[in-house]
Amino acid sequence: MMSRGLSVAVPIVGNIQDNNHLVWFLQGQTLLSVPGKHDKVPVTVAIVPCKCPETLEKDRGNPIYLGVKEPEFCLFCTKVGDQPALELKKQNIMELYNRPEPVKPFLFYHNQTGRTSTFESVAFPGWFIAACATGDCPLILTQELGKAYITDFEFTTLA
């Protein structure tokens, strides 16, 4: 999707869904995975690369910032108790992009295989953005790839 060290003026925007046709949907300040129906408009996701990937682990994927276009939030990894957690934080994605150093809690290693992508937390290696298979649940971080949760997503760019 993006090459290393790429300079961008605006984020790439699109929608994300999984193989079960569940889309990312914003409800308040929570990102949910829901069935893509007419009354559930998928959230517009914004992606920008990290400007200095050389300061991060090599061969993990392309480090990116993931945001929500309207309202302006970014996905953020933090620790709740002893477990990594995925949250949304009010944050301008281009402000993160323009910082001189990578902001690890906001960064994800993006790996694409064919049409599907995984998003691994930079702050918590081995933890991936995941959705429950049934839908109508918040997005989380998991270490259980391909088990109880869906970790493969399809990003569709909006023209």
C-alpha atoms as a PDB file:
ATOM      1  CA  MET A   1       0.000   0.000   0.000  1.00  0.00           C
ATOM      2  CA  MET A   2       2.736   2.469   0.956  1.00  0.00           C
ATOM      3  CA  SER A   3       6.472   2.502   0.599  1.00  0.00           C
ATOM      4  CA  ARG A   4       8.917   3.323   3.372  1.00  0.00           C
ATOM      5  CA  GLY A   5       9.890   6.939   3.890  1.00  0.00           C
ATOM      6  CA  LEU A   6       7.044   8.203   1.728  1.00  0.00           C
ATOM      7  CA  SER A   7       6.181  11.875   2.144  1.00  0.00           C
ATOM      8  CA  VAL A   8       2.468  12.639   2.041  1.00  0.00           C
ATOM      9  CA  ALA A   9       0.411  15.813   2.031  1.00  0.00           C
ATOM     10  CA  VAL A  10      -2.895  14.124   2.902  1.00  0.00           C
ATOM     11  CA  PRO A  11      -3.870  10.739   4.340  1.00  0.00           C
ATOM     12  CA  ILE A  12      -5.128   7.869   2.208  1.00  0.00           C
ATOM     13  CA  VAL A  13      -8.791   7.380   3.116  1.00  0.00           C
ATOM     14  CA  GLY A  14     -11.055   4.387   2.805  1.00  0.00           C
ATOM     15  CA  ASN A  15     -13.258   1.839   4.532  1.00  0.00           C
ATOM     16  CA  ILE A  16     -12.265  -1.357   6.299  1.00  0.00           C
ATOM     17  CA  GLN A  17     -14.215  -4.607   6.332  1.00  0.00           C
ATOM     18  CA  ASP A  18     -13.444  -8.246   7.050  1.00  0.00           C
ATOM     19  CA  ASN A  19     -14.230 -11.463   5.152  1.00  0.00           C
ATOM     20  CA  ASN A  20     -17.623 -11.684   6.915  1.00  0.00           C
ATOM     21  CA  HIS A  21     -18.524  -8.259   5.430  1.00  0.00           C
ATOM     22  CA  LEU A  22     -18.396  -6.629   8.854  1.00  0.00           C
ATOM     23  CA  VAL A  23     -17.381  -2.969   8.566  1.00  0.00           C
ATOM     24  CA  TRP A  24     -15.710  -0.609  11.017  1.00  0.00           C
ATOM     25  CA  PHE A  25     -18.377   1.682  12.457  1.00  0.00           C
ATOM     26  CA  LEU A  26     -17.991   4.588  14.881  1.00  0.00           C
ATOM     27  CA  GLN A  27     -20.452   4.729  17.774  1.00  0.00           C
ATOM     28  CA  GLY A  28     -19.617   7.610  20.097  1.00  0.00           C
ATOM     29  CA  GLN A  29     -15.910   7.148  20.841  1.00  0.00           C
ATOM     30  CA  THR A  30     -15.879   3.399  20.186  1.00  0.00           C
ATOM     31  CA  LEU A  31     -14.960   1.636  16.953  1.00  0.00           C
ATOM     32  CA  LEU A  32     -17.204  -1.366  16.375  1.00  0.00           C
ATOM     33  CA  SER A  33     -17.256  -4.144  13.823  1.00  0.00           C
ATOM     34  CA  VAL A  34     -20.835  -4.363  12.513  1.00  0.00           C
ATOM     35  CA  PRO A  35     -22.674  -5.962   9.572  1.00  0.00           C
ATOM     36  CA  GLY A  36     -22.546  -3.562   6.609  1.00  0.00           C
ATOM     37  CA  LYS A  37     -26.184  -2.488   6.310  1.00  0.00           C
ATOM     38  CA  HIS A  38     -27.848   0.634   4.969  1.00  0.00           C
ATOM     39  CA  ASP A  39     -28.362   2.116   8.441  1.00  0.00           C
ATOM     40  CA  LYS A  40     -24.702   1.508   9.396  1.00  0.00           C
ATOM     41  CA  VAL A  41     -22.426   3.737   7.325  1.00  0.00           C
ATOM     42  CA  PRO A  42     -18.814   2.522   7.625  1.00  0.00           C
ATOM     43  CA  VAL A  43     -16.434   4.971   9.252  1.00  0.00           C
ATOM     44  CA  THR A  44     -13.929   6.622   6.912  1.00  0.00           C
ATOM     45  CA  VAL A  45     -10.457   5.508   7.983  1.00  0.00           C
ATOM     46  CA  ALA A  46      -7.369   7.645   7.315  1.00  0.00           C
ATOM     47  CA  ILE A  47      -3.885   6.144   6.936  1.00  0.00           C
ATOM     48  CA  VAL A  48      -0.486   7.858   6.792  1.00  0.00           C
ATOM     49  CA  PRO A  49       2.959   6.250   6.920  1.00  0.00           C
ATOM     50  CA  CYS A  50       5.509   6.849   9.662  1.00  0.00           C
ATOM     51  CA  LYS A  51       8.124   9.338   8.423  1.00  0.00           C
ATOM     52  CA  CYS A  52      11.045   7.616  10.177  1.00  0.00           C
ATOM     53  CA  PRO A  53      10.534   3.846   9.912  1.00  0.00           C
ATOM     54  CA  GLU A  54      14.286   3.301  10.271  1.00  0.00           C
ATOM     55  CA  THR A  55      13.942   3.890  14.036  1.00  0.00           C
ATOM     56  CA  LEU A  56      11.496   0.944  14.342  1.00  0.00           C
ATOM     57  CA  GLU A  57      11.873  -2.837  14.035  1.00  0.00           C
ATOM     58  CA  LYS A  58      12.756  -4.013  10.538  1.00  0.00           C
ATOM     59  CA  ASP A  59      10.669  -6.517   8.534  1.00  0.00           C
ATOM     60  CA  ARG A  60       7.533  -6.228  10.693  1.00  0.00           C
ATOM     61  CA  GLY A  61       5.531  -4.371   8.042  1.00  0.00           C
ATOM     62  CA  ASN A  62       5.024  -0.756   7.013  1.00  0.00           C
ATOM     63  CA  PRO A  63       4.544   1.418  10.101  1.00  0.00           C
ATOM     64  CA  ILE A  64       1.392   3.526   9.722  1.00  0.00           C
ATOM     65  CA  TYR A  65      -0.866   5.781  11.750  1.00  0.00           C
ATOM     66  CA  LEU A  66      -4.554   4.790  11.621  1.00  0.00           C
ATOM     67  CA  GLY A  67      -7.187   7.433  12.147  1.00  0.00           C
ATOM     68  CA  VAL A  68     -10.860   8.187  11.788  1.00  0.00           C
ATOM     69  CA  LYS A  69     -11.548  11.062   9.405  1.00  0.00           C
ATOM     70  CA  GLU A  70     -14.728  12.538  10.959  1.00  0.00           C
ATOM     71  CA  PRO A  71     -14.613  13.228  13.863  1.00  0.00           C
ATOM     72  CA  GLU A  72     -10.840  13.397  14.085  1.00  0.00           C
ATOM     73  CA  PHE A  73      -9.574  10.455  16.164  1.00  0.00           C
ATOM     74  CA  CYS A  74      -6.587   8.122  15.944  1.00  0.00           C
ATOM     75  CA  LEU A  75      -6.286   4.525  17.074  1.00  0.00           C
ATOM     76  CA  PHE A  76      -4.080   4.283  20.137  1.00  0.00           C
ATOM     77  CA  CYS A  77      -2.651   1.311  22.067  1.00  0.00           C
ATOM     78  CA  THR A  78      -2.405   1.529  25.838  1.00  0.00           C
ATOM     79  CA  LYS A  79      -2.241  -0.841  28.773  1.00  0.00           C
ATOM     80  CA  VAL A  80      -5.360  -1.477  30.854  1.00  0.00           C
ATOM     81  CA  GLY A  81      -4.419  -3.548  33.876  1.00  0.00           C
ATOM     82  CA  ASP A  82      -1.886  -6.033  32.511  1.00  0.00           C
ATOM     83  CA  GLN A  83      -3.481  -6.228  29.049  1.00  0.00           C
ATOM     84  CA  PRO A  84      -2.868  -4.066  25.940  1.00  0.00           C
ATOM     85  CA  ALA A  85      -6.037  -2.280  24.830  1.00  0.00           C
ATOM     86  CA  LEU A  86      -7.161  -0.422  21.707  1.00  0.00           C
ATOM     87  CA  GLU A  87      -8.658   3.035  22.180  1.00  0.00           C
ATOM     88  CA  LEU A  88      -9.593   6.071  20.133  1.00  0.00           C
ATOM     89  CA  LYS A  89      -7.965   9.351  21.083  1.00  0.00           C
ATOM     90  CA  LYS A  90      -8.860  12.837  19.821  1.00  0.00           C
ATOM     91  CA  GLN A  91      -5.798  13.431  17.656  1.00  0.00           C
ATOM     92  CA  ASN A  92      -4.943  14.917  14.262  1.00  0.00           C
ATOM     93  CA  ILE A  93      -3.272  12.202  12.176  1.00  0.00           C
ATOM     94  CA  MET A  94      -1.135  14.696  10.219  1.00  0.00           C
ATOM     95  CA  GLU A  95       0.180  16.146  13.485  1.00  0.00           C
ATOM     96  CA  LEU A  96       1.400  12.625  14.381  1.00  0.00           C
ATOM     97  CA  TYR A  97       2.877  12.229  10.890  1.00  0.00           C
ATOM     98  CA  ASN A  98       4.790  15.518  11.163  1.00  0.00           C
ATOM     99  CA  ARG A  99       6.417  14.764  14.539  1.00  0.00           C
ATOM    100  CA  PRO A 100      10.206  14.280  14.401  1.00  0.00           C
ATOM    101  CA  GLU A 101      10.044  10.917  16.230  1.00  0.00           C
ATOM    102  CA  PRO A 102       7.589   7.999  15.814  1.00  0.00           C
ATOM    103  CA  VAL A 103       4.737   8.018  18.349  1.00  0.00           C
ATOM    104  CA  LYS A 104       4.670   4.279  19.062  1.00  0.00           C
ATOM    105  CA  PRO A 105       1.301   4.017  20.881  1.00  0.00           C
ATOM    106  CA  PHE A 106      -0.365   5.357  17.691  1.00  0.00           C
ATOM    107  CA  LEU A 107       1.644   3.229  15.230  1.00  0.00           C
ATOM    108  CA  PHE A 108       0.725  -0.092  13.624  1.00  0.00           C
ATOM    109  CA  TYR A 109       2.771  -2.396  11.409  1.00  0.00           C
ATOM    110  CA  HIS A 110       0.665  -2.835   8.277  1.00  0.00           C
ATOM    111  CA  ASN A 111       1.139  -6.156   6.477  1.00  0.00           C
ATOM    112  CA  GLN A 112      -0.754  -6.861   3.287  1.00  0.00           C
ATOM    113  CA  THR A 113      -1.229 -10.301   1.717  1.00  0.00           C
ATOM    114  CA  GLY A 114      -3.290 -10.129  -1.452  1.00  0.00           C
ATOM    115  CA  ARG A 115      -6.352  -8.040  -0.590  1.00  0.00           C
ATOM    116  CA  THR A 116      -6.207  -8.513   3.176  1.00  0.00           C
ATOM    117  CA  SER A 117      -4.223  -6.599   5.774  1.00  0.00           C
ATOM    118  CA  THR A 118      -3.238  -7.038   9.390  1.00  0.00           C
ATOM    119  CA  PHE A 119      -2.471  -4.186  11.783  1.00  0.00           C
ATOM    120  CA  GLU A 120       0.026  -5.041  14.543  1.00  0.00           C
ATOM    121  CA  SER A 121       0.645  -2.667  17.437  1.00  0.00           C
ATOM    122  CA  VAL A 122       4.149  -1.144  17.412  1.00  0.00           C
ATOM    123  CA  ALA A 123       3.921  -0.410  21.160  1.00  0.00           C
ATOM    124  CA  PHE A 124       2.832  -4.022  21.893  1.00  0.00           C
ATOM    125  CA  PRO A 125       4.471  -6.342  19.319  1.00  0.00           C
ATOM    126  CA  GLY A 126       2.467  -9.511  18.704  1.00  0.00           C
ATOM    127  CA  TRP A 127      -0.864  -7.783  19.435  1.00  0.00           C
ATOM    128  CA  PHE A 128      -3.153  -7.174  16.433  1.00  0.00           C
ATOM    129  CA  ILE A 129      -6.319  -5.167  15.808  1.00  0.00           C
ATOM    130  CA  ALA A 130      -9.156  -7.692  15.891  1.00  0.00           C
ATOM    131  CA  ALA A 131     -12.933  -7.972  15.606  1.00  0.00           C
ATOM    132  CA  CYS A 132     -15.287 -10.657  16.862  1.00  0.00           C
ATOM    133  CA  ALA A 133     -16.631 -12.931  14.120  1.00  0.00           C
ATOM    134  CA  THR A 134     -20.297 -12.193  14.910  1.00  0.00           C
ATOM    135  CA  GLY A 135     -20.124  -8.404  14.733  1.00  0.00           C
ATOM    136  CA  ASP A 136     -21.681  -5.700  16.908  1.00  0.00           C
ATOM    137  CA  CYS A 137     -18.648  -5.654  19.189  1.00  0.00           C
ATOM    138  CA  PRO A 138     -15.791  -3.190  19.801  1.00  0.00           C
ATOM    139  CA  LEU A 139     -12.479  -3.623  18.017  1.00  0.00           C
ATOM    140  CA  ILE A 140      -9.810  -4.975  20.363  1.00  0.00           C
ATOM    141  CA  LEU A 141      -6.179  -6.075  20.416  1.00  0.00           C
ATOM    142  CA  THR A 142      -5.470  -9.828  20.431  1.00  0.00           C
ATOM    143  CA  GLN A 143      -2.537 -12.215  20.219  1.00  0.00           C
ATOM    144  CA  GLU A 144      -4.839 -15.003  19.001  1.00  0.00           C
ATOM    145  CA  LEU A 145      -4.394 -14.814  15.225  1.00  0.00           C
ATOM    146  CA  GLY A 146      -7.121 -16.550  13.235  1.00  0.00           C
ATOM    147  CA  LYS A 147      -8.799 -18.073  16.298  1.00  0.00           C
ATOM    148  CA  ALA A 148     -11.758 -16.487  18.116  1.00  0.00           C
ATOM    149  CA  TYR A 149     -11.218 -13.087  16.498  1.00  0.00           C
ATOM    150  CA  ILE A 150     -10.801 -11.815  12.946  1.00  0.00           C
ATOM    151  CA  THR A 151      -7.462 -10.098  12.360  1.00  0.00           C
ATOM    152  CA  ASP A 152      -7.505  -9.946   8.533  1.00  0.00           C
ATOM    153  CA  PHE A 153      -9.156  -6.857   7.073  1.00  0.00           C
ATOM    154  CA  GLU A 154      -9.663  -5.409   3.619  1.00  0.00           C
ATOM    155  CA  PHE A 155      -8.949  -1.708   3.127  1.00  0.00           C
ATOM    156  CA  THR A 156     -10.913  -0.168   0.249  1.00  0.00           C
ATOM    157  CA  THR A 157      -9.598   3.209  -0.880  1.00  0.00           C
ATOM    158  CA  LEU A 158     -12.191   5.925  -1.477  1.00  0.00           C
ATOM    159  CA  ALA A 159     -11.747   7.934  -4.666  1.00  0.00           C
END
